[in-house]
């Protein structure tokens, strides 16, 4: 687990970043975020196993506003929730470590509110709580949207954001062995950000 822990450490720094909360044409920003997490899809064709039970996610982002309307961002999210079987929680919990990069399109306004959307790709490392040596890393696509508000006269801001990931859940071990459906998982919540113009 040292690899994900290192990523968490590195991105907890970036956790002081996230959605752009200012209107400068060029800025570097960091954000911290947290909220709820769950899957939208089932793990099997019969629909008897899923991760639809709501869990939690925490993470951060770092980004650069290339110009007023376009930014690039790198995100890290840690998420956990519980496997259900026939709608009943099983007690088996799955950790996810998402790390991805995206292009962000944003529309700053004169009142400090900035709606934005982003899309990109990366990877997710899956770890079943209570196991060792069974981690699996999968390629993932990501997309999201949000809105931020810049606190006037400061580099600080607040934001609300939703982000989703798409990956193939196959070749997993432990209680997840045998499942192979593509997963769509989402996180939603909010956070704080800080930006420095350049």
Protein backbone atom coordinates (compact mmCIF):
# COMPACT_ATOMS: atom_id res chain seq x y z
CA UNK A 1 0.00 0.00 0.00
CA UNK A 2 3.03 2.33 0.00
CA UNK A 3 2.48 3.28 -3.67
CA UNK A 4 -1.07 4.60 -3.10
CA UNK A 5 0.08 6.23 0.16
CA UNK A 6 2.79 8.12 -1.72
CA UNK A 7 0.24 9.24 -4.27
CA UNK A 8 -2.08 10.37 -1.49
CA UNK A 9 0.75 12.36 0.07
CA UNK A 10 1.72 13.98 -3.19
CA UNK A 11 -1.82 14.84 -4.02
CA UNK A 12 -2.84 15.98 -0.61
CA UNK A 13 -0.59 18.85 -1.58
CA UNK A 14 -2.57 19.09 -4.71
CA UNK A 15 -5.52 18.59 -2.47
CA UNK A 16 -5.09 22.21 -1.84
CA UNK A 17 -6.18 22.64 -5.42
CA UNK A 18 -9.16 21.89 -7.50
CA UNK A 19 -11.56 23.98 -9.43
CA UNK A 20 -10.37 27.39 -10.56
CA UNK A 21 -11.78 29.97 -8.21
CA UNK A 22 -10.61 33.17 -9.85
CA UNK A 23 -10.84 34.97 -13.16
CA UNK A 24 -7.22 35.74 -14.05
CA UNK A 25 -6.13 34.70 -17.51
CA UNK A 26 -3.17 32.68 -16.20
CA UNK A 27 -3.02 31.04 -12.78
CA UNK A 28 -1.81 27.96 -10.94
CA UNK A 29 -4.36 26.54 -8.52
CA UNK A 30 -4.72 23.78 -5.99
CA UNK A 31 -7.81 22.37 -4.27
CA UNK A 32 -9.01 19.92 -1.65
CA UNK A 33 -12.34 18.16 -2.01
CA UNK A 34 -14.57 15.53 -0.47
CA UNK A 35 -18.06 14.10 -0.65
CA UNK A 36 -20.09 11.03 -1.55
CA UNK A 37 -19.26 8.17 -3.90
CA UNK A 38 -21.08 5.25 -5.51
CA UNK A 39 -21.39 3.18 -8.68
CA UNK A 40 -24.16 3.54 -11.24
CA UNK A 41 -23.72 0.07 -12.76
CA UNK A 42 -23.84 -3.54 -11.57
CA UNK A 43 -20.87 -5.91 -11.51
CA UNK A 44 -22.70 -8.76 -13.24
CA UNK A 45 -25.25 -9.17 -16.03
CA UNK A 46 -27.90 -10.42 -13.59
CA UNK A 47 -27.62 -7.19 -11.60
CA UNK A 48 -27.24 -9.04 -8.31
CA UNK A 49 -23.88 -7.52 -7.26
CA UNK A 50 -22.99 -3.83 -7.23
CA UNK A 51 -21.29 -0.95 -5.49
CA UNK A 52 -24.35 1.31 -5.54
CA UNK A 53 -24.27 1.74 -1.76
CA UNK A 54 -23.13 5.32 -1.07
CA UNK A 55 -19.61 5.65 0.33
CA UNK A 56 -17.20 8.56 0.48
CA UNK A 57 -14.35 10.14 -1.43
CA UNK A 58 -11.60 12.65 -0.60
CA UNK A 59 -8.91 14.08 -2.81
CA UNK A 60 -7.32 17.03 -4.44
CA UNK A 61 -6.31 18.60 -7.71
CA UNK A 62 -3.74 20.91 -9.17
CA UNK A 63 -4.24 22.89 -12.31
CA UNK A 64 -2.99 25.62 -14.61
CA UNK A 65 -5.21 28.12 -16.37
CA UNK A 66 -3.63 28.26 -19.80
CA UNK A 67 -5.93 31.13 -20.66
CA UNK A 68 -9.23 32.53 -19.42
CA UNK A 69 -11.37 29.68 -20.77
CA UNK A 70 -9.04 26.66 -20.80
CA UNK A 71 -7.15 24.88 -18.02
CA UNK A 72 -5.37 21.58 -17.55
CA UNK A 73 -5.74 19.70 -14.28
CA UNK A 74 -4.42 16.63 -12.49
CA UNK A 75 -6.65 14.97 -9.89
CA UNK A 76 -6.29 12.35 -7.19
CA UNK A 77 -9.28 10.80 -5.44
CA UNK A 78 -9.51 8.13 -2.77
CA UNK A 79 -12.93 6.48 -2.60
CA UNK A 80 -14.43 3.63 -0.60
CA UNK A 81 -17.80 1.93 -0.49
CA UNK A 82 -19.30 -1.48 0.17
CA UNK A 83 -20.22 -4.39 -2.10
CA UNK A 84 -23.90 -5.31 -2.14
CA UNK A 85 -25.41 -8.67 -3.05
CA UNK A 86 -29.09 -8.66 -4.02
CA UNK A 87 -29.34 -5.19 -2.49
CA UNK A 88 -27.85 -6.26 0.86
CA UNK A 89 -24.47 -4.94 2.09
CA UNK A 90 -21.92 -7.77 2.31
CA UNK A 91 -19.31 -6.10 4.53
CA UNK A 92 -16.72 -6.32 1.73
CA UNK A 93 -15.29 -2.84 1.09
CA UNK A 94 -13.33 -1.69 -1.93
CA UNK A 95 -10.80 1.16 -1.93
CA UNK A 96 -10.15 3.00 -5.17
CA UNK A 97 -7.20 5.28 -5.88
CA UNK A 98 -8.04 7.38 -8.95
CA UNK A 99 -5.30 9.45 -10.59
CA UNK A 100 -6.03 11.27 -13.81
CA UNK A 101 -5.48 14.36 -15.92
CA UNK A 102 -8.01 16.36 -17.89
CA UNK A 103 -8.63 19.42 -20.03
CA UNK A 104 -11.04 21.85 -18.40
CA UNK A 105 -13.26 24.36 -20.20
CA UNK A 106 -14.51 27.19 -17.99
CA UNK A 107 -16.57 30.36 -18.23
CA UNK A 108 -15.50 32.99 -15.64
CA UNK A 109 -18.08 35.68 -14.90
CA UNK A 110 -17.76 39.20 -13.54
CA UNK A 111 -19.35 38.19 -10.20
CA UNK A 112 -16.69 35.54 -9.49
CA UNK A 113 -18.78 32.49 -10.40
CA UNK A 114 -17.14 30.06 -12.85
CA UNK A 115 -19.03 27.06 -14.27
CA UNK A 116 -16.75 24.45 -15.85
CA UNK A 117 -16.59 21.01 -17.46
CA UNK A 118 -13.63 18.66 -17.89
CA UNK A 119 -12.69 15.35 -19.51
CA UNK A 120 -9.58 13.19 -19.65
CA UNK A 121 -8.13 9.87 -18.58
CA UNK A 122 -5.87 8.08 -16.15
CA UNK A 123 -5.94 4.97 -13.99
CA UNK A 124 -7.55 3.47 -10.91
CA UNK A 125 -5.94 1.09 -8.43
CA UNK A 126 -8.47 -1.22 -6.74
CA UNK A 127 -7.79 -2.65 -3.28
CA UNK A 128 -10.19 -4.83 -1.33
CA UNK A 129 -9.97 -3.87 2.34
CA UNK A 130 -8.46 -6.65 4.44
CA UNK A 131 -6.50 -8.27 1.61
CA UNK A 132 -2.89 -8.03 0.48
CA UNK A 133 -1.18 -8.67 -2.84
CA UNK A 134 -4.42 -8.49 -4.83
CA UNK A 135 -4.35 -4.88 -6.02
CA UNK A 136 -5.39 -4.34 -9.64
CA UNK A 137 -4.80 -1.20 -11.72
CA UNK A 138 -7.07 -0.34 -14.65
CA UNK A 139 -7.10 2.40 -17.25
CA UNK A 140 -9.99 4.78 -16.79
CA UNK A 141 -11.71 7.64 -18.54
CA UNK A 142 -13.02 10.57 -16.52
CA UNK A 143 -15.34 13.54 -16.95
CA UNK A 144 -16.99 16.03 -14.66
CA UNK A 145 -18.59 19.39 -14.16
CA UNK A 146 -18.79 21.97 -11.44
CA UNK A 147 -19.08 25.56 -10.42
CA UNK A 148 -16.65 27.65 -8.36
CA UNK A 149 -16.85 30.98 -6.61
CA UNK A 150 -13.87 33.27 -6.07
CA UNK A 151 -13.74 35.15 -2.76
CA UNK A 152 -13.21 38.79 -3.81
CA UNK A 153 -9.75 40.21 -3.17
CA UNK A 154 -8.19 36.84 -2.30
CA UNK A 155 -6.89 33.79 -4.11
CA UNK A 156 -9.35 31.57 -2.21
CA UNK A 157 -12.49 30.01 -3.56
CA UNK A 158 -15.10 27.36 -2.92
CA UNK A 159 -16.58 24.93 -5.40
CA UNK A 160 -19.11 22.15 -5.92
CA UNK A 161 -18.19 19.39 -8.34
CA UNK A 162 -19.26 16.04 -9.72
CA UNK A 163 -16.79 13.62 -11.35
CA UNK A 164 -17.30 10.23 -12.98
CA UNK A 165 -15.00 7.39 -14.03
CA UNK A 166 -15.39 4.55 -16.53
CA UNK A 167 -13.32 1.36 -16.32
CA UNK A 168 -13.55 -2.39 -16.95
CA UNK A 169 -13.88 -4.44 -13.75
CA UNK A 170 -12.27 -7.74 -14.75
CA UNK A 171 -9.42 -9.98 -13.59
CA UNK A 172 -10.09 -8.95 -9.99
CA UNK A 173 -9.34 -11.11 -6.96
CA UNK A 174 -10.93 -11.84 -3.60
CA UNK A 175 -14.69 -11.35 -3.32
CA UNK A 176 -14.67 -9.58 -6.72
CA UNK A 177 -13.32 -12.53 -8.72
CA UNK A 178 -15.42 -13.40 -11.76
CA UNK A 179 -17.02 -10.00 -12.31
CA UNK A 180 -16.33 -8.34 -15.65
CA UNK A 181 -18.80 -5.54 -16.37
CA UNK A 182 -17.72 -2.02 -17.24
CA UNK A 183 -18.13 0.23 -14.22
CA UNK A 184 -19.41 3.79 -14.12
CA UNK A 185 -18.64 5.35 -10.74
CA UNK A 186 -19.29 8.89 -9.55
CA UNK A 187 -18.19 11.23 -6.79
CA UNK A 188 -19.88 14.45 -5.82
CA UNK A 189 -19.21 17.08 -3.22
CA UNK A 190 -17.29 20.28 -2.74
CA UNK A 191 -14.14 21.86 -1.48
CA UNK A 192 -11.84 24.83 -1.28
CA UNK A 193 -9.23 26.11 -3.69
CA UNK A 194 -6.40 28.61 -3.83
CA UNK A 195 -4.95 30.19 -6.94
CA UNK A 196 -1.89 32.27 -7.79
CA UNK A 197 -1.88 34.35 -10.99
CA UNK A 198 1.22 34.47 -13.16
